[in-house]
Amino acid sequence: MIKNLVTRFLSGVLFVAVMIGCIWMSDFYFGALFLLLVIFGLREFYALINKEENVSVLVPLSVVGGALLFTTVFYVFFYGGSYAWLTLDFIYVSVIMIVELFRNEKKPILNMSLSLLGILYVALPFSLMSVVESTSDWGVKLLISFFIIIWASDTGAYLCGVLIGKHKMFERISPKKTWEGFGGGLLFAVLAGTIFYYTNFIPFTWISWVSISVMIFVFGVLGDLVESMMKRSLGVKDSGVFLPGHGGLLDRFDSALIAAPALCMVAFLLLNC
């Protein structure tokens, strides 16, 4: 157990350093890293999905579709490109359907649906994160605080779950999750938000920081459970191998993927209020 904790900690620290560094340094590093996350996240998702009987998603085409969505959103919001570029994504949806027409597979509707699900589940949230980063001068800081709150809550949930966890929270989907872990994750999320308030990381009120932290935490927990539900239905423990001690890329970002739309909403509300 100690060896696993050390491995998890060291790989997690390296991962956090790379993430924060790329988000903070420049638009180019941010875009390059997140495009890679979209590509490898989609490959991981479709590799899992294609293990199911009668499922045959065309992986290269679907991955290109997700990469196109991120690239067009990034270009429009970071470099002021015309919104007309976003129509390419709608055209690509049509292309996925047309290609399926000529494949002669047993379950074409299932293949099309799962192909689009991957883009919505993986590529769209990362695209929304790029929108958040581009919203204003504090967009970079908001995105960094988003990830730190998620990582802090994950740490709190893990520690409290391991040390004092007894009461199962959602045993049908995730047998290891406990209410004690939930409480620890919530506490760490609020503490992270409170630290951001006192350091004036972004000039929000304490209530605003706590509200944002709680919202990110709740959506993050639901995102974790959603991914657990998918893995359980597919009969796998981890979505893949991404970081030692952390499982696959989707395992590492499951909370962020579901919480990203809520974060985007917060960014626009704060920008326009």
C-alpha atoms as a PDB file:
ATOM      1  CA  MET A   1       0.000   0.000   0.000  1.00  0.00           C
ATOM      2  CA  ILE A   2       2.826   2.432   0.885  1.00  0.00           C
ATOM      3  CA  LYS A   3       4.588   1.703  -2.418  1.00  0.00           C
ATOM      4  CA  ASN A   4       1.350   2.359  -4.302  1.00  0.00           C
ATOM      5  CA  LEU A   5       0.851   5.642  -2.444  1.00  0.00           C
ATOM      6  CA  VAL A   6       4.400   6.786  -3.262  1.00  0.00           C
ATOM      7  CA  THR A   7       3.988   5.870  -6.938  1.00  0.00           C
ATOM      8  CA  ARG A   8       0.618   7.579  -7.075  1.00  0.00           C
ATOM      9  CA  PHE A   9       2.024  10.687  -5.394  1.00  0.00           C
ATOM     10  CA  LEU A  10       5.118  11.038  -7.598  1.00  0.00           C
ATOM     11  CA  SER A  11       3.294  10.481 -10.876  1.00  0.00           C
ATOM     12  CA  GLY A  12       0.546  12.820  -9.701  1.00  0.00           C
ATOM     13  CA  VAL A  13       3.018  15.591  -8.859  1.00  0.00           C
ATOM     14  CA  LEU A  14       4.667  15.301 -12.288  1.00  0.00           C
ATOM     15  CA  PHE A  15       1.275  15.333 -13.981  1.00  0.00           C
ATOM     16  CA  VAL A  16       0.130  18.406 -12.035  1.00  0.00           C
ATOM     17  CA  ALA A  17       3.373  20.253 -12.847  1.00  0.00           C
ATOM     18  CA  VAL A  18       3.007  19.590 -16.578  1.00  0.00           C
ATOM     19  CA  MET A  19      -0.667  20.559 -16.588  1.00  0.00           C
ATOM     20  CA  ILE A  20      -0.254  23.825 -14.686  1.00  0.00           C
ATOM     21  CA  GLY A  21       2.909  24.697 -16.597  1.00  0.00           C
ATOM     22  CA  CYS A  22       1.269  24.309 -20.003  1.00  0.00           C
ATOM     23  CA  ILE A  23      -1.904  26.157 -18.955  1.00  0.00           C
ATOM     24  CA  TRP A  24       0.113  29.025 -17.490  1.00  0.00           C
ATOM     25  CA  MET A  25       2.922  29.447 -20.025  1.00  0.00           C
ATOM     26  CA  SER A  26       1.201  30.225 -23.331  1.00  0.00           C
ATOM     27  CA  ASP A  27      -1.734  29.549 -25.618  1.00  0.00           C
ATOM     28  CA  PHE A  28       0.451  27.318 -27.795  1.00  0.00           C
ATOM     29  CA  TYR A  29       1.519  24.960 -24.987  1.00  0.00           C
ATOM     30  CA  PHE A  30      -2.022  24.849 -23.637  1.00  0.00           C
ATOM     31  CA  GLY A  31      -3.510  24.074 -27.056  1.00  0.00           C
ATOM     32  CA  ALA A  32      -0.891  21.430 -27.865  1.00  0.00           C
ATOM     33  CA  LEU A  33      -1.299  19.609 -24.540  1.00  0.00           C
ATOM     34  CA  PHE A  34      -5.070  19.642 -24.560  1.00  0.00           C
ATOM     35  CA  LEU A  35      -5.239  18.540 -28.190  1.00  0.00           C
ATOM     36  CA  LEU A  36      -3.106  15.540 -27.234  1.00  0.00           C
ATOM     37  CA  LEU A  37      -5.408  14.854 -24.275  1.00  0.00           C
ATOM     38  CA  VAL A  38      -8.404  14.909 -26.630  1.00  0.00           C
ATOM     39  CA  ILE A  39      -6.750  12.527 -29.091  1.00  0.00           C
ATOM     40  CA  PHE A  40      -5.513  10.000 -26.525  1.00  0.00           C
ATOM     41  CA  GLY A  41      -8.703  10.309 -24.464  1.00  0.00           C
ATOM     42  CA  LEU A  42     -10.814   9.465 -27.504  1.00  0.00           C
ATOM     43  CA  ARG A  43      -8.565   6.565 -28.469  1.00  0.00           C
ATOM     44  CA  GLU A  44      -8.925   5.202 -24.927  1.00  0.00           C
ATOM     45  CA  PHE A  45     -12.706   5.664 -24.966  1.00  0.00           C
ATOM     46  CA  TYR A  46     -13.210   3.940 -28.333  1.00  0.00           C
ATOM     47  CA  ALA A  47     -10.825   1.112 -27.417  1.00  0.00           C
ATOM     48  CA  LEU A  48     -13.113   0.337 -24.484  1.00  0.00           C
ATOM     49  CA  ILE A  49     -16.310   0.722 -26.473  1.00  0.00           C
ATOM     50  CA  ASN A  50     -15.174  -1.512 -29.344  1.00  0.00           C
ATOM     51  CA  LYS A  51     -14.764  -4.437 -26.934  1.00  0.00           C
ATOM     52  CA  GLU A  52     -18.542  -4.694 -26.767  1.00  0.00           C
ATOM     53  CA  GLU A  53     -20.284  -7.225 -28.986  1.00  0.00           C
ATOM     54  CA  ASN A  54     -21.542  -5.871 -32.336  1.00  0.00           C
ATOM     55  CA  VAL A  55     -19.863  -2.498 -31.738  1.00  0.00           C
ATOM     56  CA  SER A  56     -17.429  -1.340 -34.417  1.00  0.00           C
ATOM     57  CA  VAL A  57     -16.782   2.376 -34.135  1.00  0.00           C
ATOM     58  CA  LEU A  58     -14.431   3.678 -36.815  1.00  0.00           C
ATOM     59  CA  VAL A  59     -11.750   4.990 -34.450  1.00  0.00           C
ATOM     60  CA  PRO A  60      -9.561   7.133 -36.772  1.00  0.00           C
ATOM     61  CA  LEU A  61     -12.570   8.987 -38.182  1.00  0.00           C
ATOM     62  CA  SER A  62     -14.069   9.587 -34.743  1.00  0.00           C
ATOM     63  CA  VAL A  63     -10.768  10.760 -33.249  1.00  0.00           C
ATOM     64  CA  VAL A  64     -10.300  13.212 -36.116  1.00  0.00           C
ATOM     65  CA  GLY A  65     -13.823  14.514 -35.437  1.00  0.00           C
ATOM     66  CA  GLY A  66     -13.019  15.167 -31.778  1.00  0.00           C
ATOM     67  CA  ALA A  67      -9.683  16.787 -32.649  1.00  0.00           C
ATOM     68  CA  LEU A  68     -11.449  18.983 -35.198  1.00  0.00           C
ATOM     69  CA  LEU A  69     -13.961  20.153 -32.594  1.00  0.00           C
ATOM     70  CA  PHE A  70     -11.215  21.173 -30.169  1.00  0.00           C
ATOM     71  CA  THR A  71      -9.121  22.818 -32.889  1.00  0.00           C
ATOM     72  CA  THR A  72     -11.966  24.918 -34.297  1.00  0.00           C
ATOM     73  CA  VAL A  73     -13.154  26.039 -30.850  1.00  0.00           C
ATOM     74  CA  PHE A  74      -9.568  26.871 -29.857  1.00  0.00           C
ATOM     75  CA  TYR A  75      -8.993  28.864 -33.057  1.00  0.00           C
ATOM     76  CA  VAL A  76     -12.243  30.816 -32.787  1.00  0.00           C
ATOM     77  CA  PHE A  77     -11.905  31.757 -29.108  1.00  0.00           C
ATOM     78  CA  PHE A  78      -8.142  32.283 -28.898  1.00  0.00           C
ATOM     79  CA  TYR A  79      -7.362  33.800 -32.273  1.00  0.00           C
ATOM     80  CA  GLY A  80     -10.636  35.482 -33.150  1.00  0.00           C
ATOM     81  CA  GLY A  81     -11.505  33.210 -36.040  1.00  0.00           C
ATOM     82  CA  SER A  82     -14.962  33.456 -37.563  1.00  0.00           C
ATOM     83  CA  TYR A  83     -17.693  31.408 -35.904  1.00  0.00           C
ATOM     84  CA  ALA A  84     -18.270  29.978 -39.370  1.00  0.00           C
ATOM     85  CA  TRP A  85     -15.345  27.625 -38.680  1.00  0.00           C
ATOM     86  CA  LEU A  86     -17.529  25.857 -36.105  1.00  0.00           C
ATOM     87  CA  THR A  87     -19.837  24.685 -38.890  1.00  0.00           C
ATOM     88  CA  LEU A  88     -17.091  22.231 -39.854  1.00  0.00           C
ATOM     89  CA  ASP A  89     -17.975  20.272 -36.728  1.00  0.00           C
ATOM     90  CA  PHE A  90     -21.612  19.924 -37.779  1.00  0.00           C
ATOM     91  CA  ILE A  91     -20.510  18.855 -41.251  1.00  0.00           C
ATOM     92  CA  TYR A  92     -18.295  16.236 -39.640  1.00  0.00           C
ATOM     93  CA  VAL A  93     -21.291  14.783 -37.809  1.00  0.00           C
ATOM     94  CA  SER A  94     -22.899  14.269 -41.204  1.00  0.00           C
ATOM     95  CA  VAL A  95     -19.689  12.683 -42.504  1.00  0.00           C
ATOM     96  CA  ILE A  96     -19.683  10.137 -39.668  1.00  0.00           C
ATOM     97  CA  MET A  97     -23.239   9.149 -40.580  1.00  0.00           C
ATOM     98  CA  ILE A  98     -22.534   8.990 -44.328  1.00  0.00           C
ATOM     99  CA  VAL A  99     -19.443   6.812 -43.846  1.00  0.00           C
ATOM    100  CA  GLU A 100     -21.495   4.396 -41.751  1.00  0.00           C
ATOM    101  CA  LEU A 101     -23.854   4.087 -44.705  1.00  0.00           C
ATOM    102  CA  PHE A 102     -21.142   2.297 -46.717  1.00  0.00           C
ATOM    103  CA  ARG A 103     -19.619   0.135 -43.954  1.00  0.00           C
ATOM    104  CA  ASN A 104     -22.305  -2.556 -43.882  1.00  0.00           C
ATOM    105  CA  GLU A 105     -21.979  -3.173 -40.124  1.00  0.00           C
ATOM    106  CA  LYS A 106     -24.560  -5.014 -37.998  1.00  0.00           C
ATOM    107  CA  LYS A 107     -25.393  -2.057 -35.726  1.00  0.00           C
ATOM    108  CA  PRO A 108     -24.900   1.187 -37.701  1.00  0.00           C
ATOM    109  CA  ILE A 109     -27.073   3.281 -35.380  1.00  0.00           C
ATOM    110  CA  LEU A 110     -25.152   2.027 -32.360  1.00  0.00           C
ATOM    111  CA  ASN A 111     -21.816   2.780 -34.046  1.00  0.00           C
ATOM    112  CA  MET A 112     -22.879   6.318 -34.983  1.00  0.00           C
ATOM    113  CA  SER A 113     -24.286   6.987 -31.524  1.00  0.00           C
ATOM    114  CA  LEU A 114     -21.166   5.781 -29.722  1.00  0.00           C
ATOM    115  CA  SER A 115     -18.905   7.681 -32.088  1.00  0.00           C
ATOM    116  CA  LEU A 116     -20.746  10.915 -31.300  1.00  0.00           C
ATOM    117  CA  LEU A 117     -20.917  10.036 -27.584  1.00  0.00           C
ATOM    118  CA  GLY A 118     -17.129   9.900 -27.449  1.00  0.00           C
ATOM    119  CA  ILE A 119     -16.870  13.363 -29.004  1.00  0.00           C
ATOM    120  CA  LEU A 120     -19.458  14.761 -26.586  1.00  0.00           C
ATOM    121  CA  TYR A 121     -17.936  13.052 -23.546  1.00  0.00           C
ATOM    122  CA  VAL A 122     -14.251  13.747 -24.243  1.00  0.00           C
ATOM    123  CA  ALA A 123     -13.684  16.399 -26.918  1.00  0.00           C
ATOM    124  CA  LEU A 124     -16.475  18.817 -25.973  1.00  0.00           C
ATOM    125  CA  PRO A 125     -15.426  19.256 -22.290  1.00  0.00           C
ATOM    126  CA  PHE A 126     -11.799  19.910 -23.257  1.00  0.00           C
ATOM    127  CA  SER A 127     -13.049  22.385 -25.856  1.00  0.00           C
ATOM    128  CA  LEU A 128     -15.096  24.168 -23.176  1.00  0.00           C
ATOM    129  CA  MET A 129     -11.991  24.359 -20.995  1.00  0.00           C
ATOM    130  CA  SER A 130     -10.272  26.239 -23.811  1.00  0.00           C
ATOM    131  CA  VAL A 131     -13.248  28.612 -23.920  1.00  0.00           C
ATOM    132  CA  VAL A 132     -12.845  29.255 -20.176  1.00  0.00           C
ATOM    133  CA  GLU A 133      -9.137  29.980 -20.557  1.00  0.00           C
ATOM    134  CA  SER A 134      -9.833  32.485 -23.338  1.00  0.00           C
ATOM    135  CA  THR A 135     -12.675  34.366 -21.606  1.00  0.00           C
ATOM    136  CA  SER A 136     -10.653  37.108 -19.898  1.00  0.00           C
ATOM    137  CA  ASP A 137      -7.412  37.929 -18.133  1.00  0.00           C
ATOM    138  CA  TRP A 138      -8.405  35.641 -15.259  1.00  0.00           C
ATOM    139  CA  GLY A 139      -9.449  32.751 -17.492  1.00  0.00           C
ATOM    140  CA  VAL A 140      -6.075  31.035 -17.051  1.00  0.00           C
ATOM    141  CA  LYS A 141      -6.308  31.348 -13.274  1.00  0.00           C
ATOM    142  CA  LEU A 142      -9.893  30.071 -13.243  1.00  0.00           C
ATOM    143  CA  LEU A 143      -8.921  26.974 -15.202  1.00  0.00           C
ATOM    144  CA  ILE A 144      -5.927  26.312 -12.943  1.00  0.00           C
ATOM    145  CA  SER A 145      -8.098  26.731  -9.830  1.00  0.00           C
ATOM    146  CA  PHE A 146     -10.642  24.346 -11.418  1.00  0.00           C
ATOM    147  CA  PHE A 147      -8.082  21.557 -11.661  1.00  0.00           C
ATOM    148  CA  ILE A 148      -6.535  22.268  -8.259  1.00  0.00           C
ATOM    149  CA  ILE A 149      -9.960  22.089  -6.583  1.00  0.00           C
ATOM    150  CA  ILE A 150     -10.625  18.768  -8.316  1.00  0.00           C
ATOM    151  CA  TRP A 151      -7.209  17.375  -7.357  1.00  0.00           C
ATOM    152  CA  ALA A 152      -7.594  18.597  -3.775  1.00  0.00           C
ATOM    153  CA  SER A 153     -11.036  17.013  -3.451  1.00  0.00           C
ATOM    154  CA  ASP A 154      -9.774  13.750  -4.987  1.00  0.00           C
ATOM    155  CA  THR A 155      -6.952  13.706  -2.437  1.00  0.00           C
ATOM    156  CA  GLY A 156      -9.303  14.408   0.460  1.00  0.00           C
ATOM    157  CA  ALA A 157     -11.777  11.771  -0.685  1.00  0.00           C
ATOM    158  CA  TYR A 158      -9.027   9.183  -1.155  1.00  0.00           C
ATOM    159  CA  LEU A 159      -7.399   9.794   2.227  1.00  0.00           C
ATOM    160  CA  CYS A 160     -10.634   9.879   4.210  1.00  0.00           C
ATOM    161  CA  GLY A 161     -12.030   6.934   2.302  1.00  0.00           C
ATOM    162  CA  VAL A 162      -8.951   4.811   2.999  1.00  0.00           C
ATOM    163  CA  LEU A 163      -8.506   5.880   6.628  1.00  0.00           C
ATOM    164  CA  ILE A 164     -12.047   6.113   7.982  1.00  0.00           C
ATOM    165  CA  GLY A 165     -14.385   5.084   5.161  1.00  0.00           C
ATOM    166  CA  LYS A 166     -17.141   2.720   6.322  1.00  0.00           C
ATOM    167  CA  HIS A 167     -20.514   3.800   4.944  1.00  0.00           C
ATOM    168  CA  LYS A 168     -20.996   2.999   1.259  1.00  0.00           C
ATOM    169  CA  MET A 169     -22.187   5.889  -0.882  1.00  0.00           C
ATOM    170  CA  PHE A 170     -23.097   4.276  -4.219  1.00  0.00           C
ATOM    171  CA  GLU A 171     -22.278   0.597  -3.868  1.00  0.00           C
ATOM    172  CA  ARG A 172     -24.155  -0.424  -7.024  1.00  0.00           C
ATOM    173  CA  ILE A 173     -21.794   1.638  -9.184  1.00  0.00           C
ATOM    174  CA  SER A 174     -18.634   2.150  -7.121  1.00  0.00           C
ATOM    175  CA  PRO A 175     -18.278  -0.166  -4.092  1.00  0.00           C
ATOM    176  CA  LYS A 176     -15.196   1.617  -2.711  1.00  0.00           C
ATOM    177  CA  LYS A 177     -16.727   5.082  -2.472  1.00  0.00           C
ATOM    178  CA  THR A 178     -17.937   6.065   0.990  1.00  0.00           C
ATOM    179  CA  TRP A 179     -19.751   8.994   2.562  1.00  0.00           C
ATOM    180  CA  GLU A 180     -16.679   9.625   4.689  1.00  0.00           C
ATOM    181  CA  GLY A 181     -14.677  10.000   1.495  1.00  0.00           C
ATOM    182  CA  PHE A 182     -17.359  12.314   0.112  1.00  0.00           C
ATOM    183  CA  GLY A 183     -17.108  14.472   3.233  1.00  0.00           C
ATOM    184  CA  GLY A 184     -13.306  14.558   3.024  1.00  0.00           C
ATOM    185  CA  GLY A 185     -13.429  15.536  -0.635  1.00  0.00           C
ATOM    186  CA  LEU A 186     -15.915  18.327   0.071  1.00  0.00           C
ATOM    187  CA  LEU A 187     -13.787  19.625   2.941  1.00  0.00           C
ATOM    188  CA  PHE A 188     -10.616  19.718   0.825  1.00  0.00           C
ATOM    189  CA  ALA A 189     -12.473  21.416  -2.043  1.00  0.00           C
ATOM    190  CA  VAL A 190     -13.753  24.164   0.263  1.00  0.00           C
ATOM    191  CA  LEU A 191     -10.284  24.534   1.805  1.00  0.00           C
ATOM    192  CA  ALA A 192      -8.775  24.972  -1.668  1.00  0.00           C
ATOM    193  CA  GLY A 193     -11.372  27.619  -2.508  1.00  0.00           C
ATOM    194  CA  THR A 194     -10.702  29.369   0.795  1.00  0.00           C
ATOM    195  CA  ILE A 195      -6.953  29.448   0.077  1.00  0.00           C
ATOM    196  CA  PHE A 196      -7.667  30.994  -3.332  1.00  0.00           C
ATOM    197  CA  TYR A 197      -9.782  33.650  -1.590  1.00  0.00           C
ATOM    198  CA  TYR A 198      -7.160  34.585   1.001  1.00  0.00           C
ATOM    199  CA  THR A 199      -4.345  34.662  -1.570  1.00  0.00           C
ATOM    200  CA  ASN A 200      -6.534  36.845  -3.836  1.00  0.00           C
ATOM    201  CA  PHE A 201      -5.783  34.460  -6.702  1.00  0.00           C
ATOM    202  CA  ILE A 202      -8.851  35.905  -8.439  1.00  0.00           C
ATOM    203  CA  PRO A 203     -10.708  38.758  -6.681  1.00  0.00           C
ATOM    204  CA  PHE A 204     -13.874  36.787  -5.908  1.00  0.00           C
ATOM    205  CA  THR A 205     -15.710  36.925  -2.596  1.00  0.00           C
ATOM    206  CA  TRP A 206     -15.315  34.040  -0.154  1.00  0.00           C
ATOM    207  CA  ILE A 207     -18.911  32.974  -0.781  1.00  0.00           C
ATOM    208  CA  SER A 208     -18.216  32.916  -4.520  1.00  0.00           C
ATOM    209  CA  TRP A 209     -15.119  30.773  -4.046  1.00  0.00           C
ATOM    210  CA  VAL A 210     -16.916  28.337  -1.740  1.00  0.00           C
ATOM    211  CA  SER A 211     -19.880  28.120  -4.129  1.00  0.00           C
ATOM    212  CA  ILE A 212     -17.603  27.484  -7.105  1.00  0.00           C
ATOM    213  CA  SER A 213     -15.636  24.875  -5.128  1.00  0.00           C
ATOM    214  CA  VAL A 214     -18.785  23.028  -4.016  1.00  0.00           C
ATOM    215  CA  MET A 215     -20.192  23.094  -7.555  1.00  0.00           C
ATOM    216  CA  ILE A 216     -16.954  21.732  -9.038  1.00  0.00           C
ATOM    217  CA  PHE A 217     -16.803  19.063  -6.320  1.00  0.00           C
ATOM    218  CA  VAL A 218     -20.403  17.877  -6.782  1.00  0.00           C
ATOM    219  CA  PHE A 219     -20.158  17.704 -10.571  1.00  0.00           C
ATOM    220  CA  GLY A 220     -16.751  16.060 -10.189  1.00  0.00           C
ATOM    221  CA  VAL A 221     -18.161  13.319  -7.963  1.00  0.00           C
ATOM    222  CA  LEU A 222     -20.975  12.731 -10.451  1.00  0.00           C
ATOM    223  CA  GLY A 223     -18.412  12.586 -13.258  1.00  0.00           C
ATOM    224  CA  ASP A 224     -16.445   9.980 -11.339  1.00  0.00           C
ATOM    225  CA  LEU A 225     -19.598   7.927 -10.856  1.00  0.00           C
ATOM    226  CA  VAL A 226     -20.581   8.253 -14.524  1.00  0.00           C
ATOM    227  CA  GLU A 227     -17.228   6.855 -15.617  1.00  0.00           C
ATOM    228  CA  SER A 228     -17.474   4.101 -12.999  1.00  0.00           C
ATOM    229  CA  MET A 229     -20.891   3.214 -14.422  1.00  0.00           C
ATOM    230  CA  MET A 230     -19.452   2.952 -17.937  1.00  0.00           C
ATOM    231  CA  LYS A 231     -16.489   0.845 -16.807  1.00  0.00           C
ATOM    232  CA  ARG A 232     -18.779  -1.414 -14.798  1.00  0.00           C
ATOM    233  CA  SER A 233     -21.037  -1.966 -17.798  1.00  0.00           C
ATOM    234  CA  LEU A 234     -17.956  -2.814 -19.894  1.00  0.00           C
ATOM    235  CA  GLY A 235     -16.460  -5.068 -17.208  1.00  0.00           C
ATOM    236  CA  VAL A 236     -13.140  -3.217 -16.823  1.00  0.00           C
ATOM    237  CA  LYS A 237     -11.368  -1.820 -13.767  1.00  0.00           C
ATOM    238  CA  ASP A 238      -9.370   0.999 -15.402  1.00  0.00           C
ATOM    239  CA  SER A 239     -10.042   2.832 -18.646  1.00  0.00           C
ATOM    240  CA  GLY A 240      -6.418   2.311 -19.674  1.00  0.00           C
ATOM    241  CA  VAL A 241      -2.840   3.009 -18.600  1.00  0.00           C
ATOM    242  CA  PHE A 242      -1.973   6.699 -18.428  1.00  0.00           C
ATOM    243  CA  LEU A 243      -0.274   7.376 -15.083  1.00  0.00           C
ATOM    244  CA  PRO A 244       1.164   4.782 -12.658  1.00  0.00           C
ATOM    245  CA  GLY A 245      -1.243   4.452  -9.760  1.00  0.00           C
ATOM    246  CA  HIS A 246      -3.948   6.521 -11.477  1.00  0.00           C
ATOM    247  CA  GLY A 247      -5.247   4.246 -14.236  1.00  0.00           C
ATOM    248  CA  GLY A 248      -6.172   5.591 -17.652  1.00  0.00           C
ATOM    249  CA  LEU A 249      -6.485   9.122 -18.982  1.00  0.00           C
ATOM    250  CA  LEU A 250     -10.264   9.008 -18.589  1.00  0.00           C
ATOM    251  CA  ASP A 251      -9.804   7.831 -14.987  1.00  0.00           C
ATOM    252  CA  ARG A 252      -7.688  10.933 -14.353  1.00  0.00           C
ATOM    253  CA  PHE A 253     -10.081  13.364 -16.022  1.00  0.00           C
ATOM    254  CA  ASP A 254     -13.476  11.789 -15.288  1.00  0.00           C
ATOM    255  CA  SER A 255     -14.380  14.490 -12.755  1.00  0.00           C
ATOM    256  CA  ALA A 256     -13.225  17.356 -14.978  1.00  0.00           C
ATOM    257  CA  LEU A 257     -15.098  16.108 -18.054  1.00  0.00           C
ATOM    258  CA  ILE A 258     -18.519  16.339 -16.392  1.00  0.00           C
ATOM    259  CA  ALA A 259     -17.699  19.493 -14.404  1.00  0.00           C
ATOM    260  CA  ALA A 260     -16.343  21.439 -17.414  1.00  0.00           C
ATOM    261  CA  PRO A 261     -19.749  22.622 -18.768  1.00  0.00           C
ATOM    262  CA  ALA A 262     -20.651  23.999 -15.315  1.00  0.00           C
ATOM    263  CA  LEU A 263     -17.287  25.772 -15.138  1.00  0.00           C
ATOM    264  CA  CYS A 264     -17.911  27.311 -18.555  1.00  0.00           C
ATOM    265  CA  MET A 265     -21.296  28.578 -17.352  1.00  0.00           C
ATOM    266  CA  VAL A 266     -19.649  30.149 -14.288  1.00  0.00           C
ATOM    267  CA  ALA A 267     -17.026  31.834 -16.478  1.00  0.00           C
ATOM    268  CA  PHE A 268     -19.643  33.472 -18.694  1.00  0.00           C
ATOM    269  CA  LEU A 269     -21.795  34.500 -15.739  1.00  0.00           C
ATOM    270  CA  LEU A 270     -18.839  36.138 -14.011  1.00  0.00           C
ATOM    271  CA  LEU A 271     -17.762  37.791 -17.250  1.00  0.00           C
ATOM    272  CA  ASN A 272     -21.195  39.307 -17.886  1.00  0.00           C
ATOM    273  CA  CYS A 273     -22.203  40.260 -14.330  1.00  0.00           C
END
